[in-house]
Amino acid sequence: MVEIGPIIPHCNTPFAKETQGSTELTLYLLSLLRIQQPDLLLPAATALAAVHPRGRELGIEAGANVVMPNLSPVKVRDKYVLYNGKVCTGDEAAACRRKAKEPLKRMLAL
């Protein structure tokens, strides 16, 4: 498994003022990895959803074949905030799934 996602500088770190990674470059790298390694487990990172409203769907369309759910209990998620704007941090995984847009909903049903 290889995870490729855009860099999202956390506001409370020394990297707070660094430039955020781009959706386009992330999708390009996902597509290259898919071509080079067809059997690779390649997640559509939650960071993609934080930088683009259709980030995870675009990741799947670019070649990702894994959707990463947030299975940690809601009450402890604030203890390890990796970046600002992470999706579904206040929802249980099933509730986040119900909110998912098409075509991600269809992909999660497989």
N, C-alpha and C. Protein backbone atom coordinates (compact mmCIF):
# COMPACT_ATOMS: atom_id res chain seq x y z
N MET A 1 0.85 -1.17 0.00
CA MET A 1 0.00 0.00 0.00
C MET A 1 0.89 1.23 0.00
N VAL A 2 0.52 2.19 -0.84
CA VAL A 2 1.22 3.46 -0.89
C VAL A 2 0.17 4.56 -0.82
N GLU A 3 0.34 5.47 0.11
CA GLU A 3 -0.61 6.58 0.21
C GLU A 3 0.04 7.85 -0.32
N ILE A 4 -0.64 8.47 -1.26
CA ILE A 4 -0.20 9.73 -1.84
C ILE A 4 -1.29 10.75 -1.54
N GLY A 5 -0.93 11.82 -0.88
CA GLY A 5 -1.90 12.88 -0.60
C GLY A 5 -1.22 14.23 -0.62
N PRO A 6 -1.99 15.27 -0.78
CA PRO A 6 -1.40 16.61 -0.77
C PRO A 6 -0.92 16.98 0.63
N ILE A 7 0.17 17.70 0.70
CA ILE A 7 0.65 18.20 1.99
C ILE A 7 -0.30 19.29 2.45
N ILE A 8 -0.78 19.17 3.69
CA ILE A 8 -1.64 20.19 4.27
C ILE A 8 -0.97 20.64 5.57
N PRO A 9 -0.33 21.80 5.55
CA PRO A 9 0.36 22.26 6.76
C PRO A 9 -0.62 22.52 7.90
N HIS A 10 -0.34 21.95 9.06
CA HIS A 10 -1.18 22.17 10.24
C HIS A 10 -0.89 23.55 10.81
N CYS A 11 -1.91 24.24 11.25
CA CYS A 11 -1.76 25.62 11.72
C CYS A 11 -0.93 25.74 13.00
N ASN A 12 -0.77 24.66 13.76
CA ASN A 12 -0.02 24.73 15.03
C ASN A 12 1.35 24.06 14.93
N THR A 13 1.94 24.07 13.75
CA THR A 13 3.26 23.48 13.56
C THR A 13 4.20 24.49 12.93
N PRO A 14 5.48 24.22 12.91
CA PRO A 14 6.43 25.11 12.23
C PRO A 14 6.17 25.21 10.72
N PHE A 15 5.37 24.30 10.18
CA PHE A 15 5.08 24.30 8.74
C PHE A 15 3.81 25.07 8.40
N ALA A 16 3.21 25.74 9.35
CA ALA A 16 1.92 26.39 9.17
C ALA A 16 1.87 27.33 7.97
N LYS A 17 2.96 27.99 7.67
CA LYS A 17 2.95 28.98 6.58
C LYS A 17 3.47 28.41 5.26
N GLU A 18 3.72 27.11 5.23
CA GLU A 18 4.20 26.48 3.99
C GLU A 18 3.05 26.34 3.00
N THR A 19 3.40 26.17 1.74
CA THR A 19 2.42 26.04 0.68
C THR A 19 1.75 24.67 0.73
N GLN A 20 0.43 24.68 0.59
CA GLN A 20 -0.33 23.44 0.56
C GLN A 20 -0.10 22.72 -0.76
N GLY A 21 -0.10 21.39 -0.72
CA GLY A 21 0.04 20.60 -1.94
C GLY A 21 -1.19 20.73 -2.82
N SER A 22 -1.04 20.38 -4.09
CA SER A 22 -2.14 20.57 -5.02
C SER A 22 -2.90 19.27 -5.29
N THR A 23 -4.17 19.43 -5.54
CA THR A 23 -5.02 18.31 -5.93
C THR A 23 -4.51 17.72 -7.25
N GLU A 24 -4.18 18.59 -8.19
CA GLU A 24 -3.77 18.15 -9.52
C GLU A 24 -2.52 17.27 -9.47
N LEU A 25 -1.51 17.69 -8.71
CA LEU A 25 -0.29 16.91 -8.62
C LEU A 25 -0.55 15.57 -7.93
N THR A 26 -1.38 15.58 -6.90
CA THR A 26 -1.71 14.34 -6.21
C THR A 26 -2.40 13.36 -7.15
N LEU A 27 -3.37 13.85 -7.93
CA LEU A 27 -4.08 12.99 -8.88
C LEU A 27 -3.14 12.46 -9.96
N TYR A 28 -2.23 13.30 -10.41
CA TYR A 28 -1.24 12.88 -11.40
C TYR A 28 -0.37 11.74 -10.85
N LEU A 29 0.10 11.90 -9.61
CA LEU A 29 0.94 10.87 -9.00
C LEU A 29 0.17 9.58 -8.77
N LEU A 30 -1.10 9.69 -8.37
CA LEU A 30 -1.94 8.49 -8.22
C LEU A 30 -2.05 7.74 -9.54
N SER A 31 -2.27 8.48 -10.61
CA SER A 31 -2.44 7.85 -11.92
C SER A 31 -1.13 7.18 -12.38
N LEU A 32 0.00 7.84 -12.12
CA LEU A 32 1.29 7.24 -12.49
C LEU A 32 1.54 5.95 -11.72
N LEU A 33 1.27 5.98 -10.42
CA LEU A 33 1.46 4.77 -9.61
C LEU A 33 0.56 3.64 -10.08
N ARG A 34 -0.68 3.97 -10.44
CA ARG A 34 -1.61 2.94 -10.91
C ARG A 34 -1.08 2.28 -12.18
N ILE A 35 -0.54 3.08 -13.09
CA ILE A 35 0.01 2.53 -14.34
C ILE A 35 1.24 1.67 -14.05
N GLN A 36 2.12 2.14 -13.16
CA GLN A 36 3.36 1.43 -12.88
C GLN A 36 3.15 0.18 -12.04
N GLN A 37 2.18 0.23 -11.13
CA GLN A 37 1.96 -0.88 -10.19
C GLN A 37 0.47 -1.24 -10.17
N PRO A 38 -0.04 -1.96 -11.14
CA PRO A 38 -1.47 -2.24 -11.24
C PRO A 38 -2.07 -2.96 -10.03
N ASP A 39 -1.27 -3.74 -9.30
CA ASP A 39 -1.80 -4.50 -8.16
C ASP A 39 -1.66 -3.77 -6.82
N LEU A 40 -1.18 -2.56 -6.86
CA LEU A 40 -0.93 -1.78 -5.65
C LEU A 40 -2.22 -1.37 -4.96
N LEU A 41 -2.24 -1.44 -3.63
CA LEU A 41 -3.32 -0.84 -2.86
C LEU A 41 -3.01 0.65 -2.77
N LEU A 42 -3.88 1.47 -3.32
CA LEU A 42 -3.62 2.89 -3.47
C LEU A 42 -4.81 3.68 -2.92
N PRO A 43 -4.69 4.22 -1.70
CA PRO A 43 -5.81 4.92 -1.08
C PRO A 43 -6.09 6.29 -1.68
N ALA A 44 -7.37 6.63 -1.70
CA ALA A 44 -7.80 8.00 -1.96
C ALA A 44 -7.80 8.67 -0.59
N ALA A 45 -6.74 9.37 -0.29
CA ALA A 45 -6.49 9.89 1.06
C ALA A 45 -7.55 10.90 1.50
N THR A 46 -7.79 10.93 2.81
CA THR A 46 -8.73 11.91 3.34
C THR A 46 -8.24 13.33 3.10
N ALA A 47 -6.93 13.50 2.95
CA ALA A 47 -6.39 14.83 2.66
C ALA A 47 -6.91 15.36 1.32
N LEU A 48 -7.16 14.48 0.38
CA LEU A 48 -7.73 14.92 -0.90
C LEU A 48 -9.11 15.54 -0.69
N ALA A 49 -9.89 14.97 0.19
CA ALA A 49 -11.22 15.51 0.47
C ALA A 49 -11.14 16.84 1.22
N ALA A 50 -10.04 17.06 1.91
CA ALA A 50 -9.87 18.32 2.64
C ALA A 50 -9.50 19.47 1.71
N VAL A 51 -8.88 19.15 0.57
CA VAL A 51 -8.45 20.22 -0.34
C VAL A 51 -9.36 20.39 -1.54
N HIS A 52 -10.27 19.43 -1.75
CA HIS A 52 -11.20 19.52 -2.88
C HIS A 52 -12.52 18.84 -2.48
N PRO A 53 -13.65 19.47 -2.77
CA PRO A 53 -14.94 18.89 -2.37
C PRO A 53 -15.18 17.47 -2.91
N ARG A 54 -14.62 17.14 -4.05
CA ARG A 54 -14.75 15.80 -4.62
C ARG A 54 -13.42 15.04 -4.58
N GLY A 55 -12.57 15.39 -3.63
CA GLY A 55 -11.22 14.85 -3.60
C GLY A 55 -11.11 13.35 -3.63
N ARG A 56 -11.85 12.67 -2.77
CA ARG A 56 -11.74 11.21 -2.77
C ARG A 56 -12.31 10.59 -4.04
N GLU A 57 -13.40 11.15 -4.54
CA GLU A 57 -13.95 10.64 -5.79
C GLU A 57 -12.96 10.82 -6.94
N LEU A 58 -12.32 11.99 -6.99
CA LEU A 58 -11.31 12.23 -8.02
C LEU A 58 -10.13 11.28 -7.86
N GLY A 59 -9.77 10.98 -6.62
CA GLY A 59 -8.69 10.03 -6.37
C GLY A 59 -9.01 8.65 -6.91
N ILE A 60 -10.25 8.20 -6.69
CA ILE A 60 -10.68 6.91 -7.22
C ILE A 60 -10.65 6.94 -8.75
N GLU A 61 -11.14 8.02 -9.33
CA GLU A 61 -11.14 8.14 -10.79
C GLU A 61 -9.72 8.19 -11.36
N ALA A 62 -8.75 8.66 -10.57
CA ALA A 62 -7.36 8.74 -11.03
C ALA A 62 -6.61 7.42 -10.87
N GLY A 63 -7.20 6.46 -10.14
CA GLY A 63 -6.54 5.17 -10.01
C GLY A 63 -6.48 4.60 -8.61
N ALA A 64 -6.88 5.38 -7.61
CA ALA A 64 -6.91 4.83 -6.24
C ALA A 64 -7.96 3.72 -6.18
N ASN A 65 -7.73 2.75 -5.30
CA ASN A 65 -8.67 1.65 -5.17
C ASN A 65 -9.01 1.33 -3.71
N VAL A 66 -8.70 2.25 -2.81
CA VAL A 66 -8.99 2.10 -1.39
C VAL A 66 -9.54 3.44 -0.90
N VAL A 67 -10.63 3.39 -0.11
CA VAL A 67 -11.14 4.59 0.55
C VAL A 67 -10.88 4.41 2.04
N MET A 68 -10.21 5.39 2.62
CA MET A 68 -9.82 5.28 4.02
C MET A 68 -10.92 5.84 4.93
N PRO A 69 -11.58 4.98 5.71
CA PRO A 69 -12.56 5.48 6.66
C PRO A 69 -11.87 5.97 7.93
N ASN A 70 -12.55 6.80 8.67
CA ASN A 70 -12.05 7.25 9.97
C ASN A 70 -12.77 6.42 11.03
N LEU A 71 -12.13 5.38 11.52
CA LEU A 71 -12.76 4.44 12.46
C LEU A 71 -12.48 4.75 13.92
N SER A 72 -11.66 5.75 14.18
CA SER A 72 -11.35 6.10 15.56
C SER A 72 -12.61 6.65 16.24
N PRO A 73 -12.77 6.37 17.53
CA PRO A 73 -13.93 6.92 18.25
C PRO A 73 -13.94 8.45 18.16
N VAL A 74 -15.12 9.01 17.94
CA VAL A 74 -15.26 10.46 17.76
C VAL A 74 -14.68 11.22 18.95
N LYS A 75 -14.85 10.71 20.16
CA LYS A 75 -14.42 11.45 21.35
C LYS A 75 -12.90 11.61 21.49
N VAL A 76 -12.11 10.84 20.73
CA VAL A 76 -10.65 10.96 20.84
C VAL A 76 -10.00 11.54 19.58
N ARG A 77 -10.77 11.83 18.57
CA ARG A 77 -10.18 12.29 17.30
C ARG A 77 -9.45 13.62 17.42
N ASP A 78 -9.86 14.47 18.33
CA ASP A 78 -9.19 15.76 18.47
C ASP A 78 -7.79 15.63 19.07
N LYS A 79 -7.41 14.45 19.54
CA LYS A 79 -6.09 14.23 20.13
C LYS A 79 -5.00 14.01 19.08
N TYR A 80 -5.39 13.79 17.84
CA TYR A 80 -4.38 13.56 16.80
C TYR A 80 -4.77 14.22 15.48
N VAL A 81 -5.05 15.48 15.52
CA VAL A 81 -5.40 16.22 14.30
C VAL A 81 -4.14 16.40 13.47
N LEU A 82 -4.07 15.70 12.35
CA LEU A 82 -2.88 15.75 11.50
C LEU A 82 -2.84 17.00 10.63
N TYR A 83 -4.02 17.47 10.22
CA TYR A 83 -4.11 18.66 9.39
C TYR A 83 -5.49 19.29 9.57
N ASN A 84 -5.58 20.54 9.21
CA ASN A 84 -6.84 21.27 9.32
C ASN A 84 -7.77 20.90 8.18
N GLY A 85 -9.07 20.83 8.47
CA GLY A 85 -10.05 20.58 7.43
C GLY A 85 -10.31 19.12 7.11
N LYS A 86 -9.90 18.21 7.98
CA LYS A 86 -10.13 16.79 7.71
C LYS A 86 -11.63 16.50 7.70
N VAL A 87 -12.09 15.73 6.72
CA VAL A 87 -13.51 15.44 6.58
C VAL A 87 -13.96 14.38 7.57
N CYS A 88 -15.22 14.43 7.94
CA CYS A 88 -15.88 13.42 8.77
C CYS A 88 -15.26 13.24 10.14
N THR A 89 -14.69 14.30 10.70
CA THR A 89 -14.08 14.13 12.02
C THR A 89 -15.11 14.10 13.13
N GLY A 90 -16.30 14.62 12.88
CA GLY A 90 -17.35 14.61 13.91
C GLY A 90 -18.35 13.50 13.72
N ASP A 91 -18.20 12.68 12.71
CA ASP A 91 -19.14 11.61 12.40
C ASP A 91 -18.51 10.25 12.62
N GLU A 92 -19.34 9.28 12.96
CA GLU A 92 -18.91 7.89 12.92
C GLU A 92 -18.75 7.52 11.44
N ALA A 93 -17.99 6.49 11.14
CA ALA A 93 -17.71 6.12 9.75
C ALA A 93 -19.00 5.88 8.96
N ALA A 94 -19.99 5.23 9.56
CA ALA A 94 -21.24 4.95 8.84
C ALA A 94 -21.98 6.24 8.50
N ALA A 95 -21.97 7.21 9.42
CA ALA A 95 -22.66 8.49 9.16
C ALA A 95 -21.95 9.24 8.04
N CYS A 96 -20.64 9.20 8.02
CA CYS A 96 -19.88 9.85 6.96
C CYS A 96 -20.19 9.19 5.62
N ARG A 97 -20.32 7.88 5.62
CA ARG A 97 -20.65 7.15 4.40
C ARG A 97 -22.00 7.59 3.86
N ARG A 98 -22.98 7.81 4.74
CA ARG A 98 -24.31 8.24 4.30
C ARG A 98 -24.25 9.61 3.65
N LYS A 99 -23.30 10.45 4.06
CA LYS A 99 -23.17 11.80 3.51
C LYS A 99 -22.39 11.82 2.20
N ALA A 100 -21.72 10.71 1.88
CA ALA A 100 -20.86 10.67 0.70
C ALA A 100 -21.65 10.97 -0.57
N LYS A 101 -20.98 11.61 -1.49
CA LYS A 101 -21.57 11.96 -2.78
C LYS A 101 -21.38 10.80 -3.76
N GLU A 102 -22.20 10.77 -4.79
CA GLU A 102 -21.99 9.84 -5.90
C GLU A 102 -20.76 10.33 -6.66
N PRO A 103 -19.89 9.51 -7.20
CA PRO A 103 -19.91 8.06 -7.29
C PRO A 103 -19.28 7.35 -6.09
N LEU A 104 -18.79 8.11 -5.09
CA LEU A 104 -18.16 7.47 -3.94
C LEU A 104 -19.14 6.55 -3.23
N LYS A 105 -20.40 6.92 -3.13
CA LYS A 105 -21.40 6.07 -2.49
C LYS A 105 -21.48 4.72 -3.18
N ARG A 106 -21.49 4.73 -4.50
CA ARG A 106 -21.55 3.47 -5.25
C ARG A 106 -20.30 2.63 -4.98
N MET A 107 -19.14 3.28 -4.93
CA MET A 107 -17.89 2.56 -4.71
C MET A 107 -17.85 1.95 -3.31
N LEU A 108 -18.39 2.66 -2.31
CA LEU A 108 -18.39 2.15 -0.95
C LEU A 108 -19.35 0.98 -0.79
N ALA A 109 -20.33 0.88 -1.66
CA ALA A 109 -21.31 -0.19 -1.59
C ALA A 109 -20.76 -1.50 -2.15
N LEU A 110 -19.66 -1.46 -2.87
CA LEU A 110 -19.11 -2.69 -3.47
C LEU A 110 -18.54 -3.63 -2.44
